[in-house]
Amino acid sequence: MTEPSIAKAATNGIRTALGVGGVLSVILGILILVWPGKTAMVVTALVAIYAIAAGLVYAGLGFFTANRGGWSRLGHILLGVVFVIAGIVAFANLGATTVWLTVFVGILVGIMWIVEGVVALSTIYLAPSRGWTLFFAIISIIAGITLLFIMLFSPIWGAVILWWLLGIGAVVFGIINIVRAFSLGK
């Protein structure tokens, strides 16, 4: 293969990845916006499936790894049992787990937005565009505080707003990636 054909193959691979990722993002965003409750439950079910699978792997490591010490093996087995129980409890109470997971993620996102804004402020002197960095930092901190405030006083509304933002963001970023896929290398 010649050098230009390798570069062309790499570009085509990147374009394909951007396009497929963009389409999947748009589909996910539309699902979130059209069927928010059902989509949230599917996401929660996937987390529960992951917990059960990870629990089985941890337990398997504890039972079948002969070269580890007794405490390490016991720790893996106990961790596996906790993961499996958490997955089963999540499935048994899928609606309640969905609400709890959404509130938890909402609080986590609010904290991350605040921290992200503070970090942007602390590195503003390094930014090529201080105005945009300051704008981003202020918006990020305000959004984080607002989301935390909403999550504390009305967790359901906070979860709904966060879910809407996630759906809209997925659609917008998906469209941007699709456009990038068509324009890359041209």
N, C-alpha and C. Protein backbone atom coordinates (compact mmCIF):
# COMPACT_ATOMS: atom_id res chain seq x y z
N MET A 1 0.84 -1.17 0.00
CA MET A 1 0.00 0.00 0.00
C MET A 1 0.89 1.25 0.00
N THR A 2 0.56 2.18 -0.80
CA THR A 2 1.35 3.41 -0.86
C THR A 2 0.90 4.37 0.23
N GLU A 3 1.74 5.36 0.48
CA GLU A 3 1.46 6.34 1.53
C GLU A 3 0.13 7.07 1.34
N PRO A 4 -0.19 7.57 0.14
CA PRO A 4 -1.49 8.26 -0.04
C PRO A 4 -2.68 7.34 0.20
N SER A 5 -2.57 6.06 -0.19
CA SER A 5 -3.72 5.17 0.01
C SER A 5 -3.91 4.83 1.49
N ILE A 6 -2.82 4.80 2.26
CA ILE A 6 -2.95 4.58 3.71
C ILE A 6 -3.65 5.78 4.34
N ALA A 7 -3.24 6.98 3.94
CA ALA A 7 -3.87 8.19 4.47
C ALA A 7 -5.35 8.24 4.07
N LYS A 8 -5.64 7.84 2.84
CA LYS A 8 -7.03 7.86 2.38
C LYS A 8 -7.86 6.82 3.16
N ALA A 9 -7.28 5.64 3.41
CA ALA A 9 -7.99 4.62 4.18
C ALA A 9 -8.24 5.10 5.61
N ALA A 10 -7.24 5.77 6.19
CA ALA A 10 -7.41 6.29 7.55
C ALA A 10 -8.50 7.37 7.58
N THR A 11 -8.49 8.24 6.59
CA THR A 11 -9.51 9.29 6.50
C THR A 11 -10.89 8.68 6.34
N ASN A 12 -11.01 7.68 5.48
CA ASN A 12 -12.30 7.00 5.29
C ASN A 12 -12.76 6.32 6.57
N GLY A 13 -11.83 5.73 7.31
CA GLY A 13 -12.17 5.10 8.59
C GLY A 13 -12.69 6.11 9.60
N ILE A 14 -12.02 7.26 9.65
CA ILE A 14 -12.44 8.31 10.57
C ILE A 14 -13.81 8.85 10.15
N ARG A 15 -13.99 9.05 8.84
CA ARG A 15 -15.28 9.55 8.35
C ARG A 15 -16.40 8.58 8.70
N THR A 16 -16.14 7.29 8.52
CA THR A 16 -17.14 6.27 8.84
C THR A 16 -17.47 6.29 10.33
N ALA A 17 -16.43 6.37 11.16
CA ALA A 17 -16.65 6.38 12.61
C ALA A 17 -17.44 7.62 13.02
N LEU A 18 -17.10 8.77 12.47
CA LEU A 18 -17.84 10.00 12.78
C LEU A 18 -19.29 9.90 12.33
N GLY A 19 -19.49 9.38 11.12
CA GLY A 19 -20.85 9.26 10.58
C GLY A 19 -21.71 8.29 11.37
N VAL A 20 -21.17 7.10 11.65
CA VAL A 20 -21.93 6.10 12.41
C VAL A 20 -22.20 6.61 13.83
N GLY A 21 -21.16 7.17 14.45
CA GLY A 21 -21.34 7.72 15.80
C GLY A 21 -22.36 8.84 15.81
N GLY A 22 -22.33 9.69 14.78
CA GLY A 22 -23.29 10.78 14.68
C GLY A 22 -24.72 10.29 14.52
N VAL A 23 -24.91 9.30 13.66
CA VAL A 23 -26.26 8.74 13.46
C VAL A 23 -26.76 8.10 14.75
N LEU A 24 -25.90 7.33 15.43
CA LEU A 24 -26.31 6.70 16.69
C LEU A 24 -26.64 7.75 17.75
N SER A 25 -25.87 8.83 17.78
CA SER A 25 -26.14 9.91 18.73
C SER A 25 -27.48 10.58 18.45
N VAL A 26 -27.77 10.83 17.17
CA VAL A 26 -29.06 11.43 16.81
C VAL A 26 -30.20 10.49 17.21
N ILE A 27 -30.06 9.21 16.93
CA ILE A 27 -31.11 8.24 17.29
C ILE A 27 -31.31 8.22 18.80
N LEU A 28 -30.21 8.17 19.57
CA LEU A 28 -30.32 8.18 21.03
C LEU A 28 -30.99 9.46 21.51
N GLY A 29 -30.59 10.59 20.96
CA GLY A 29 -31.19 11.86 21.35
C GLY A 29 -32.68 11.91 21.08
N ILE A 30 -33.08 11.42 19.92
CA ILE A 30 -34.51 11.39 19.57
C ILE A 30 -35.27 10.47 20.52
N LEU A 31 -34.69 9.30 20.82
CA LEU A 31 -35.34 8.38 21.76
C LEU A 31 -35.51 9.03 23.13
N ILE A 32 -34.48 9.74 23.58
CA ILE A 32 -34.55 10.42 24.88
C ILE A 32 -35.65 11.47 24.86
N LEU A 33 -35.75 12.23 23.77
CA LEU A 33 -36.74 13.31 23.71
C LEU A 33 -38.16 12.79 23.50
N VAL A 34 -38.32 11.69 22.75
CA VAL A 34 -39.66 11.18 22.45
C VAL A 34 -40.17 10.26 23.56
N TRP A 35 -39.33 9.37 24.05
CA TRP A 35 -39.71 8.43 25.10
C TRP A 35 -38.74 8.54 26.28
N PRO A 36 -38.77 9.64 27.00
CA PRO A 36 -37.76 9.85 28.05
C PRO A 36 -37.80 8.79 29.15
N GLY A 37 -38.98 8.45 29.62
CA GLY A 37 -39.09 7.48 30.70
C GLY A 37 -38.61 6.10 30.30
N LYS A 38 -39.07 5.64 29.13
CA LYS A 38 -38.69 4.31 28.65
C LYS A 38 -37.19 4.25 28.35
N THR A 39 -36.65 5.30 27.76
CA THR A 39 -35.23 5.32 27.45
C THR A 39 -34.41 5.31 28.74
N ALA A 40 -34.84 6.07 29.74
CA ALA A 40 -34.13 6.08 31.02
C ALA A 40 -34.16 4.69 31.66
N MET A 41 -35.30 4.00 31.53
CA MET A 41 -35.39 2.65 32.10
C MET A 41 -34.48 1.68 31.35
N VAL A 42 -34.36 1.85 30.04
CA VAL A 42 -33.46 0.99 29.27
C VAL A 42 -32.01 1.23 29.70
N VAL A 43 -31.64 2.50 29.88
CA VAL A 43 -30.29 2.81 30.34
C VAL A 43 -30.05 2.19 31.72
N THR A 44 -31.02 2.30 32.61
CA THR A 44 -30.90 1.71 33.94
C THR A 44 -30.78 0.19 33.85
N ALA A 45 -31.56 -0.42 32.97
CA ALA A 45 -31.48 -1.87 32.78
C ALA A 45 -30.09 -2.27 32.27
N LEU A 46 -29.51 -1.46 31.38
CA LEU A 46 -28.16 -1.76 30.89
C LEU A 46 -27.14 -1.66 32.02
N VAL A 47 -27.30 -0.68 32.91
CA VAL A 47 -26.41 -0.55 34.07
C VAL A 47 -26.58 -1.78 34.97
N ALA A 48 -27.81 -2.24 35.16
CA ALA A 48 -28.06 -3.42 35.98
C ALA A 48 -27.43 -4.66 35.36
N ILE A 49 -27.55 -4.80 34.05
CA ILE A 49 -26.93 -5.94 33.35
C ILE A 49 -25.42 -5.89 33.53
N TYR A 50 -24.84 -4.68 33.38
CA TYR A 50 -23.41 -4.53 33.59
C TYR A 50 -23.02 -4.94 35.00
N ALA A 51 -23.81 -4.53 36.00
CA ALA A 51 -23.50 -4.86 37.40
C ALA A 51 -23.49 -6.37 37.61
N ILE A 52 -24.47 -7.06 37.05
CA ILE A 52 -24.53 -8.52 37.19
C ILE A 52 -23.34 -9.18 36.49
N ALA A 53 -23.06 -8.74 35.27
CA ALA A 53 -21.93 -9.31 34.52
C ALA A 53 -20.61 -9.06 35.25
N ALA A 54 -20.41 -7.82 35.72
CA ALA A 54 -19.17 -7.50 36.44
C ALA A 54 -19.09 -8.31 37.73
N GLY A 55 -20.22 -8.47 38.40
CA GLY A 55 -20.24 -9.27 39.62
C GLY A 55 -19.84 -10.71 39.37
N LEU A 56 -20.33 -11.29 38.28
CA LEU A 56 -19.95 -12.66 37.95
C LEU A 56 -18.46 -12.77 37.64
N VAL A 57 -17.93 -11.75 36.96
CA VAL A 57 -16.49 -11.75 36.65
C VAL A 57 -15.68 -11.65 37.93
N TYR A 58 -16.04 -10.72 38.82
CA TYR A 58 -15.32 -10.58 40.10
C TYR A 58 -15.39 -11.86 40.92
N ALA A 59 -16.58 -12.44 41.01
CA ALA A 59 -16.72 -13.69 41.76
C ALA A 59 -15.88 -14.79 41.12
N GLY A 60 -15.90 -14.86 39.80
CA GLY A 60 -15.08 -15.85 39.09
C GLY A 60 -13.60 -15.67 39.38
N LEU A 61 -13.15 -14.42 39.40
CA LEU A 61 -11.75 -14.15 39.75
C LEU A 61 -11.43 -14.65 41.15
N GLY A 62 -12.35 -14.45 42.06
CA GLY A 62 -12.14 -14.91 43.43
C GLY A 62 -12.10 -16.42 43.55
N PHE A 63 -12.97 -17.09 42.83
CA PHE A 63 -13.04 -18.55 42.92
C PHE A 63 -11.94 -19.26 42.14
N PHE A 64 -11.59 -18.73 40.98
CA PHE A 64 -10.72 -19.47 40.06
C PHE A 64 -9.30 -18.94 39.92
N THR A 65 -8.90 -17.98 40.72
CA THR A 65 -7.54 -17.45 40.64
C THR A 65 -6.75 -18.04 41.81
N ALA A 66 -5.96 -19.03 41.50
CA ALA A 66 -5.23 -19.75 42.55
C ALA A 66 -4.00 -19.00 43.04
N ASN A 67 -3.45 -18.11 42.23
CA ASN A 67 -2.20 -17.46 42.61
C ASN A 67 -2.40 -16.21 43.48
N ARG A 68 -3.60 -15.93 43.89
CA ARG A 68 -3.88 -14.78 44.76
C ARG A 68 -4.04 -15.26 46.20
N GLY A 69 -3.79 -14.32 47.11
CA GLY A 69 -3.95 -14.64 48.51
C GLY A 69 -5.41 -14.81 48.89
N GLY A 70 -5.63 -15.35 50.08
CA GLY A 70 -6.99 -15.61 50.53
C GLY A 70 -7.83 -14.36 50.66
N TRP A 71 -7.25 -13.26 51.17
CA TRP A 71 -8.02 -12.01 51.33
C TRP A 71 -8.38 -11.41 49.98
N SER A 72 -7.46 -11.50 49.04
CA SER A 72 -7.74 -10.98 47.69
C SER A 72 -8.88 -11.77 47.05
N ARG A 73 -8.82 -13.07 47.19
CA ARG A 73 -9.87 -13.92 46.61
C ARG A 73 -11.21 -13.64 47.29
N LEU A 74 -11.20 -13.54 48.62
CA LEU A 74 -12.43 -13.26 49.36
C LEU A 74 -12.99 -11.89 48.97
N GLY A 75 -12.11 -10.91 48.84
CA GLY A 75 -12.54 -9.57 48.43
C GLY A 75 -13.21 -9.58 47.07
N HIS A 76 -12.63 -10.30 46.11
CA HIS A 76 -13.23 -10.39 44.78
C HIS A 76 -14.59 -11.09 44.83
N ILE A 77 -14.69 -12.14 45.63
CA ILE A 77 -15.96 -12.86 45.75
C ILE A 77 -17.03 -11.95 46.37
N LEU A 78 -16.66 -11.25 47.46
CA LEU A 78 -17.63 -10.36 48.10
C LEU A 78 -18.04 -9.22 47.18
N LEU A 79 -17.07 -8.64 46.47
CA LEU A 79 -17.39 -7.58 45.52
C LEU A 79 -18.32 -8.11 44.43
N GLY A 80 -18.05 -9.31 43.96
CA GLY A 80 -18.92 -9.92 42.96
C GLY A 80 -20.33 -10.12 43.47
N VAL A 81 -20.46 -10.57 44.70
CA VAL A 81 -21.79 -10.77 45.29
C VAL A 81 -22.52 -9.43 45.41
N VAL A 82 -21.81 -8.38 45.84
CA VAL A 82 -22.43 -7.05 45.97
C VAL A 82 -22.92 -6.57 44.61
N PHE A 83 -22.09 -6.72 43.58
CA PHE A 83 -22.49 -6.29 42.23
C PHE A 83 -23.71 -7.06 41.75
N VAL A 84 -23.72 -8.37 41.93
CA VAL A 84 -24.85 -9.19 41.47
C VAL A 84 -26.12 -8.80 42.23
N ILE A 85 -26.01 -8.62 43.54
CA ILE A 85 -27.19 -8.21 44.33
C ILE A 85 -27.68 -6.85 43.87
N ALA A 86 -26.76 -5.91 43.63
CA ALA A 86 -27.16 -4.57 43.16
C ALA A 86 -27.88 -4.67 41.82
N GLY A 87 -27.39 -5.50 40.92
CA GLY A 87 -28.04 -5.67 39.62
C GLY A 87 -29.43 -6.27 39.75
N ILE A 88 -29.56 -7.26 40.62
CA ILE A 88 -30.86 -7.91 40.83
C ILE A 88 -31.85 -6.93 41.47
N VAL A 89 -31.39 -6.19 42.48
CA VAL A 89 -32.26 -5.20 43.13
C VAL A 89 -32.68 -4.13 42.13
N ALA A 90 -31.74 -3.71 41.27
CA ALA A 90 -32.07 -2.71 40.25
C ALA A 90 -33.16 -3.23 39.32
N PHE A 91 -33.06 -4.48 38.89
CA PHE A 91 -34.09 -5.06 38.03
C PHE A 91 -35.41 -5.21 38.76
N ALA A 92 -35.36 -5.58 40.03
CA ALA A 92 -36.60 -5.78 40.79
C ALA A 92 -37.34 -4.46 41.02
N ASN A 93 -36.60 -3.35 41.07
CA ASN A 93 -37.18 -2.03 41.30
C ASN A 93 -36.73 -1.08 40.20
N LEU A 94 -36.98 -1.44 38.96
CA LEU A 94 -36.42 -0.69 37.83
C LEU A 94 -36.87 0.77 37.83
N GLY A 95 -38.13 1.04 38.13
CA GLY A 95 -38.61 2.42 38.14
C GLY A 95 -37.93 3.26 39.21
N ALA A 96 -37.88 2.75 40.44
CA ALA A 96 -37.24 3.48 41.53
C ALA A 96 -35.74 3.64 41.29
N THR A 97 -35.12 2.61 40.75
CA THR A 97 -33.69 2.68 40.46
C THR A 97 -33.42 3.72 39.37
N THR A 98 -34.31 3.81 38.39
CA THR A 98 -34.16 4.80 37.33
C THR A 98 -34.21 6.21 37.90
N VAL A 99 -35.16 6.46 38.79
CA VAL A 99 -35.27 7.79 39.41
C VAL A 99 -34.01 8.07 40.23
N TRP A 100 -33.59 7.13 41.06
CA TRP A 100 -32.41 7.32 41.90
C TRP A 100 -31.18 7.56 41.05
N LEU A 101 -30.98 6.76 40.00
CA LEU A 101 -29.82 6.91 39.13
C LEU A 101 -29.82 8.27 38.43
N THR A 102 -30.99 8.70 37.99
CA THR A 102 -31.10 10.00 37.32
C THR A 102 -30.77 11.14 38.28
N VAL A 103 -31.27 11.08 39.49
CA VAL A 103 -30.97 12.11 40.48
C VAL A 103 -29.48 12.11 40.81
N PHE A 104 -28.90 10.93 40.99
CA PHE A 104 -27.47 10.81 41.28
C PHE A 104 -26.63 11.42 40.16
N VAL A 105 -26.96 11.07 38.93
CA VAL A 105 -26.22 11.61 37.78
C VAL A 105 -26.43 13.13 37.69
N GLY A 106 -27.64 13.61 37.97
CA GLY A 106 -27.89 15.05 37.94
C GLY A 106 -27.03 15.80 38.94
N ILE A 107 -26.92 15.27 40.15
CA ILE A 107 -26.08 15.90 41.17
C ILE A 107 -24.61 15.84 40.74
N LEU A 108 -24.20 14.71 40.21
CA LEU A 108 -22.82 14.56 39.74
C LEU A 108 -22.51 15.54 38.62
N VAL A 109 -23.41 15.69 37.67
CA VAL A 109 -23.21 16.63 36.56
C VAL A 109 -23.14 18.06 37.08
N GLY A 110 -24.02 18.42 38.02
CA GLY A 110 -23.98 19.77 38.59
C GLY A 110 -22.63 20.06 39.24
N ILE A 111 -22.13 19.11 40.00
CA ILE A 111 -20.81 19.28 40.64
C ILE A 111 -19.71 19.38 39.59
N MET A 112 -19.78 18.54 38.56
CA MET A 112 -18.75 18.57 37.51
C MET A 112 -18.76 19.89 36.76
N TRP A 113 -19.94 20.45 36.49
CA TRP A 113 -20.02 21.74 35.80
C TRP A 113 -19.38 22.84 36.64
N ILE A 114 -19.64 22.82 37.94
CA ILE A 114 -19.04 23.82 38.83
C ILE A 114 -17.51 23.67 38.81
N VAL A 115 -17.03 22.46 38.99
CA VAL A 115 -15.59 22.22 39.00
C VAL A 115 -14.97 22.61 37.66
N GLU A 116 -15.64 22.27 36.56
CA GLU A 116 -15.13 22.61 35.24
C GLU A 116 -15.02 24.13 35.07
N GLY A 117 -16.01 24.87 35.58
CA GLY A 117 -15.96 26.33 35.52
C GLY A 117 -14.83 26.90 36.36
N VAL A 118 -14.63 26.35 37.54
CA VAL A 118 -13.55 26.81 38.42
C VAL A 118 -12.20 26.51 37.79
N VAL A 119 -12.05 25.33 37.20
CA VAL A 119 -10.79 24.98 36.52
C VAL A 119 -10.54 25.93 35.35
N ALA A 120 -11.59 26.24 34.59
CA ALA A 120 -11.43 27.19 33.47
C ALA A 120 -10.98 28.54 33.99
N LEU A 121 -11.54 28.99 35.10
CA LEU A 121 -11.12 30.27 35.69
C LEU A 121 -9.67 30.22 36.15
N SER A 122 -9.28 29.08 36.71
CA SER A 122 -7.92 28.99 37.24
C SER A 122 -6.86 28.91 36.14
N THR A 123 -7.27 28.58 34.92
CA THR A 123 -6.31 28.50 33.82
C THR A 123 -6.56 29.57 32.76
N ILE A 124 -7.30 30.60 33.13
CA ILE A 124 -7.69 31.62 32.16
C ILE A 124 -6.47 32.33 31.56
N TYR A 125 -5.40 32.45 32.33
CA TYR A 125 -4.21 33.13 31.83
C TYR A 125 -3.51 32.35 30.72
N LEU A 126 -3.81 31.05 30.59
CA LEU A 126 -3.23 30.22 29.54
C LEU A 126 -4.08 30.21 28.27
N ALA A 127 -5.31 30.65 28.37
CA ALA A 127 -6.25 30.54 27.26
C ALA A 127 -5.93 31.54 26.16
N PRO A 128 -6.00 31.10 24.90
CA PRO A 128 -5.78 32.03 23.80
C PRO A 128 -6.90 33.07 23.69
N SER A 129 -8.10 32.69 24.11
CA SER A 129 -9.23 33.62 24.09
C SER A 129 -9.78 33.72 25.50
N ARG A 130 -9.31 34.70 26.23
CA ARG A 130 -9.71 34.84 27.64
C ARG A 130 -11.19 35.17 27.78
N GLY A 131 -11.73 35.93 26.84
CA GLY A 131 -13.15 36.30 26.89
C GLY A 131 -14.04 35.08 26.81
N TRP A 132 -13.77 34.19 25.85
CA TRP A 132 -14.58 32.98 25.70
C TRP A 132 -14.38 32.04 26.89
N THR A 133 -13.16 31.98 27.39
CA THR A 133 -12.90 31.13 28.55
C THR A 133 -13.65 31.64 29.77
N LEU A 134 -13.64 32.95 29.97
CA LEU A 134 -14.38 33.54 31.09
C LEU A 134 -15.89 33.30 30.92
N PHE A 135 -16.39 33.49 29.72
CA PHE A 135 -17.81 33.25 29.43
C PHE A 135 -18.17 31.79 29.73
N PHE A 136 -17.34 30.86 29.24
CA PHE A 136 -17.57 29.43 29.49
C PHE A 136 -17.57 29.14 30.98
N ALA A 137 -16.59 29.68 31.71
CA ALA A 137 -16.47 29.41 33.13
C ALA A 137 -17.70 29.91 33.89
N ILE A 138 -18.14 31.11 33.59
CA ILE A 138 -19.31 31.68 34.27
C ILE A 138 -20.57 30.86 33.98
N ILE A 139 -20.78 30.53 32.69
CA ILE A 139 -21.96 29.73 32.32
C ILE A 139 -21.90 28.36 32.99
N SER A 140 -20.73 27.74 33.01
CA SER A 140 -20.59 26.42 33.60
C SER A 140 -20.90 26.44 35.10
N ILE A 141 -20.38 27.44 35.80
CA ILE A 141 -20.62 27.55 37.24
C ILE A 141 -22.10 27.84 37.52
N ILE A 142 -22.68 28.76 36.77
CA ILE A 142 -24.10 29.08 36.96
C ILE A 142 -24.97 27.86 36.65
N ALA A 143 -24.67 27.15 35.56
CA ALA A 143 -25.45 25.95 35.21
C ALA A 143 -25.32 24.89 36.29
N GLY A 144 -24.12 24.69 36.81
CA GLY A 144 -23.91 23.70 37.87
C GLY A 144 -24.66 24.03 39.13
N ILE A 145 -24.59 25.29 39.56
CA ILE A 145 -25.30 25.72 40.76
C ILE A 145 -26.80 25.61 40.55
N THR A 146 -27.27 26.01 39.39
CA THR A 146 -28.71 25.93 39.08
C THR A 146 -29.18 24.48 39.10
N LEU A 147 -28.43 23.60 38.47
CA LEU A 147 -28.82 22.19 38.45
C LEU A 147 -28.83 21.60 39.85
N LEU A 148 -27.81 21.91 40.65
CA LEU A 148 -27.80 21.40 42.03
C LEU A 148 -28.97 21.95 42.83
N PHE A 149 -29.27 23.22 42.66
CA PHE A 149 -30.40 23.85 43.36
C PHE A 149 -31.70 23.14 42.98
N ILE A 150 -31.89 22.92 41.68
CA ILE A 150 -33.10 22.24 41.22
C ILE A 150 -33.14 20.81 41.74
N MET A 151 -32.00 20.11 41.72
CA MET A 151 -31.97 18.71 42.18
C MET A 151 -32.27 18.62 43.68
N LEU A 152 -31.86 19.63 44.45
CA LEU A 152 -32.11 19.60 45.89
C LEU A 152 -33.58 19.86 46.22
N PHE A 153 -34.20 20.80 45.49
CA PHE A 153 -35.56 21.19 45.83
C PHE A 153 -36.63 20.48 45.02
N SER A 154 -36.27 19.97 43.85
CA SER A 154 -37.21 19.22 43.04
C SER A 154 -36.43 18.23 42.18
N PRO A 155 -36.05 17.10 42.78
CA PRO A 155 -35.22 16.14 42.04
C PRO A 155 -35.84 15.67 40.72
N ILE A 156 -37.14 15.52 40.69
CA ILE A 156 -37.78 15.05 39.46
C ILE A 156 -37.62 16.09 38.35
N TRP A 157 -37.88 17.39 38.67
CA TRP A 157 -37.72 18.43 37.65
C TRP A 157 -36.27 18.55 37.22
N GLY A 158 -35.36 18.42 38.17
CA GLY A 158 -33.93 18.46 37.83
C GLY A 158 -33.56 17.33 36.89
N ALA A 159 -34.09 16.14 37.17
CA ALA A 159 -33.82 14.99 36.31
C ALA A 159 -34.41 15.20 34.92
N VAL A 160 -35.62 15.74 34.88
CA VAL A 160 -36.27 16.00 33.58
C VAL A 160 -35.46 17.00 32.76
N ILE A 161 -35.04 18.09 33.40
CA ILE A 161 -34.24 19.10 32.69
C ILE A 161 -32.93 18.52 32.21
N LEU A 162 -32.26 17.75 33.08
CA LEU A 162 -31.00 17.12 32.69
C LEU A 162 -31.21 16.16 31.52
N TRP A 163 -32.29 15.40 31.56
CA TRP A 163 -32.59 14.44 30.49
C TRP A 163 -32.85 15.16 29.18
N TRP A 164 -33.60 16.27 29.24
CA TRP A 164 -33.84 17.07 28.03
C TRP A 164 -32.52 17.59 27.46
N LEU A 165 -31.67 18.12 28.33
CA LEU A 165 -30.37 18.61 27.88
C LEU A 165 -29.55 17.50 27.23
N LEU A 166 -29.60 16.32 27.83
CA LEU A 166 -28.88 15.18 27.28
C LEU A 166 -29.43 14.81 25.90
N GLY A 167 -30.74 14.77 25.76
CA GLY A 167 -31.36 14.44 24.47
C GLY A 167 -31.04 15.47 23.41
N ILE A 168 -31.20 16.74 23.76
CA ILE A 168 -30.91 17.82 22.80
C ILE A 168 -29.43 17.80 22.43
N GLY A 169 -28.57 17.63 23.43
CA GLY A 169 -27.13 17.58 23.18
C GLY A 169 -26.75 16.42 22.27
N ALA A 170 -27.36 15.26 22.49
CA ALA A 170 -27.06 14.10 21.66
C ALA A 170 -27.46 14.35 20.20
N VAL A 171 -28.61 14.97 19.98
CA VAL A 171 -29.04 15.28 18.62
C VAL A 171 -28.10 16.29 17.98
N VAL A 172 -27.80 17.37 18.69
CA VAL A 172 -26.94 18.42 18.13
C VAL A 172 -25.54 17.89 17.83
N PHE A 173 -24.94 17.19 18.80
CA PHE A 173 -23.59 16.66 18.58
C PHE A 173 -23.59 15.58 17.50
N GLY A 174 -24.66 14.82 17.41
CA GLY A 174 -24.76 13.82 16.35
C GLY A 174 -24.79 14.47 14.98
N ILE A 175 -25.59 15.52 14.83
CA ILE A 175 -25.66 16.23 13.55
C ILE A 175 -24.30 16.83 13.21
N ILE A 176 -23.64 17.42 14.21
CA ILE A 176 -22.30 17.99 13.97
C ILE A 176 -21.34 16.91 13.49
N ASN A 177 -21.37 15.73 14.10
CA ASN A 177 -20.46 14.65 13.68
C ASN A 177 -20.80 14.14 12.29
N ILE A 178 -22.08 14.10 11.94
CA ILE A 178 -22.46 13.69 10.59
C ILE A 178 -21.92 14.69 9.57
N VAL A 179 -22.07 15.98 9.86
CA VAL A 179 -21.54 17.01 8.97
C VAL A 179 -20.01 16.88 8.88
N ARG A 180 -19.36 16.66 10.01
CA ARG A 180 -17.90 16.47 10.00
C ARG A 180 -17.51 15.27 9.15
N ALA A 181 -18.30 14.20 9.23
CA ALA A 181 -17.98 13.00 8.44
C ALA A 181 -18.02 13.29 6.95
N PHE A 182 -19.02 14.07 6.52
CA PHE A 182 -19.14 14.39 5.09
C PHE A 182 -18.09 15.40 4.63
N SER A 183 -17.61 16.23 5.55
CA SER A 183 -16.67 17.29 5.13
C SER A 183 -15.21 16.93 5.38
N LEU A 184 -14.94 15.86 6.12
CA LEU A 184 -13.56 15.49 6.42
C LEU A 184 -12.81 15.07 5.17
N GLY A 185 -11.65 15.61 4.98
CA GLY A 185 -10.79 15.23 3.86
C GLY A 185 -11.21 15.80 2.53
N LYS A 186 -12.12 16.75 2.51
CA LYS A 186 -12.56 17.31 1.24
C LYS A 186 -12.03 18.69 1.07
